[in-house]
Amino acid sequence: MSPRRETNHFLEIPLNDLYTLNPSQITMYTTEYCADCLRAKSFFESNKIEYQKVGLEGNEKATEFVLRINNGNRSVPTIVFPDGTILVEPSWEELREKTIKR
């Protein structure tokens, strides 16, 4: 039996891939009305970069994960990359440096 899947309007996500430091896709932990989150979303979409969006609102497991990897801070966006690196509240330039191949 395959793992249960959660769907959102970005990608279909296996649940066992959401709360790991080595996801198969870029995973962005976010809130709905965060300006930094909207900037990161805009960056990914304008550069046609697929990512998993995981909202913290009403999602205790996602909130606990973000708190754990940010030393108790509920900092968003927290973006986890498949290579294990994490960017927290990154600028457009930091996202470009991390994702755009030169």
Protein backbone atom coordinates (compact mmCIF):
# COMPACT_ATOMS: atom_id res chain seq x y z
CA MET A 1 0.00 0.00 0.00
CA SER A 2 1.43 3.40 -0.94
CA PRO A 3 1.72 6.17 1.68
CA ARG A 4 -1.30 8.39 2.21
CA ARG A 5 -1.10 11.55 0.12
CA GLU A 6 -2.16 15.08 0.90
CA THR A 7 -3.08 17.35 -1.98
CA ASN A 8 -2.85 21.06 -2.42
CA HIS A 9 -3.08 23.20 -5.53
CA PHE A 10 0.68 23.03 -6.17
CA LEU A 11 1.75 19.38 -6.05
CA GLU A 12 0.48 16.05 -4.76
CA ILE A 13 2.63 15.39 -1.70
CA PRO A 14 3.38 12.11 0.06
CA LEU A 15 2.87 12.78 3.78
CA ASN A 16 6.19 11.17 4.67
CA ASP A 17 7.92 13.85 2.54
CA LEU A 18 6.49 16.88 4.37
CA TYR A 19 8.36 16.93 7.66
CA THR A 20 11.89 15.94 6.70
CA LEU A 21 15.15 17.80 6.19
CA ASN A 22 15.65 15.99 2.87
CA PRO A 23 12.38 16.33 0.93
CA SER A 24 12.16 15.13 -2.67
CA GLN A 25 10.99 18.63 -3.73
CA ILE A 26 11.61 22.13 -2.38
CA THR A 27 9.22 22.51 0.56
CA MET A 28 8.08 25.92 1.78
CA TYR A 29 6.42 26.24 5.20
CA THR A 30 4.28 29.35 5.08
CA THR A 31 1.33 31.34 6.34
CA GLU A 32 -1.34 32.95 4.18
CA TYR A 33 -0.66 36.63 4.87
CA CYS A 34 3.11 36.76 5.31
CA ALA A 35 4.82 39.27 2.97
CA ASP A 36 8.07 37.26 2.90
CA CYS A 37 6.07 34.12 2.04
CA LEU A 38 4.31 35.91 -0.81
CA ARG A 39 7.68 37.09 -2.14
CA ALA A 40 9.11 33.54 -2.07
CA LYS A 41 5.98 32.17 -3.75
CA SER A 42 6.27 34.85 -6.43
CA PHE A 43 9.94 33.99 -6.96
CA PHE A 44 9.24 30.27 -7.42
CA GLU A 45 6.28 30.86 -9.71
CA SER A 46 7.96 33.51 -11.87
CA ASN A 47 10.97 31.21 -12.32
CA LYS A 48 8.77 28.13 -12.91
CA ILE A 49 10.32 26.27 -9.96
CA GLU A 50 8.14 23.52 -8.52
CA TYR A 51 7.75 23.50 -4.77
CA GLN A 52 5.56 22.07 -2.05
CA LYS A 53 3.64 24.63 0.01
CA VAL A 54 2.77 23.63 3.56
CA GLY A 55 0.58 26.06 5.49
CA LEU A 56 1.00 26.43 9.23
CA GLU A 57 -2.54 27.66 9.90
CA GLY A 58 -4.44 24.82 11.55
CA ASN A 59 -1.54 22.43 10.96
CA GLU A 60 0.01 21.52 14.31
CA LYS A 61 2.51 19.08 12.82
CA ALA A 62 3.86 21.69 10.37
CA THR A 63 4.07 24.30 13.12
CA GLU A 64 5.96 21.91 15.41
CA PHE A 65 8.37 21.07 12.56
CA VAL A 66 9.09 24.75 11.85
CA LEU A 67 9.59 25.46 15.57
CA ARG A 68 11.98 22.52 15.87
CA ILE A 69 14.21 23.46 12.94
CA ASN A 70 14.19 27.18 13.83
CA ASN A 71 15.19 26.80 17.49
CA GLY A 72 11.70 27.57 18.81
CA ASN A 73 10.92 30.38 16.37
CA ARG A 74 7.84 30.29 14.12
CA SER A 75 9.75 31.91 11.26
CA VAL A 76 8.18 31.83 7.80
CA PRO A 77 8.83 31.18 5.13
CA THR A 78 11.07 28.31 6.11
CA ILE A 79 12.20 26.65 2.91
CA VAL A 80 13.79 23.19 2.96
CA PHE A 81 15.68 22.00 -0.11
CA PRO A 82 16.30 18.40 -1.22
CA ASP A 83 20.02 18.77 -0.42
CA GLY A 84 19.14 19.49 3.23
CA THR A 85 19.82 23.22 3.20
CA ILE A 86 17.29 25.57 4.79
CA LEU A 87 16.55 29.20 4.01
CA VAL A 88 14.50 31.22 6.49
CA GLU A 89 12.89 34.48 5.38
CA PRO A 90 15.18 34.63 2.32
CA SER A 91 15.55 37.60 0.03
CA TRP A 92 14.91 37.35 -3.73
CA GLU A 93 18.71 37.32 -4.24
CA GLU A 94 19.22 34.48 -1.73
CA LEU A 95 16.56 32.45 -3.53
CA ARG A 96 18.18 33.19 -6.88
CA GLU A 97 21.62 32.15 -5.62
CA LYS A 98 20.23 28.89 -4.27
CA THR A 99 17.99 27.88 -7.18
CA ILE A 100 19.13 29.38 -10.48
CA LYS A 101 21.82 27.36 -12.22
CA ARG A 102 24.50 29.52 -13.78
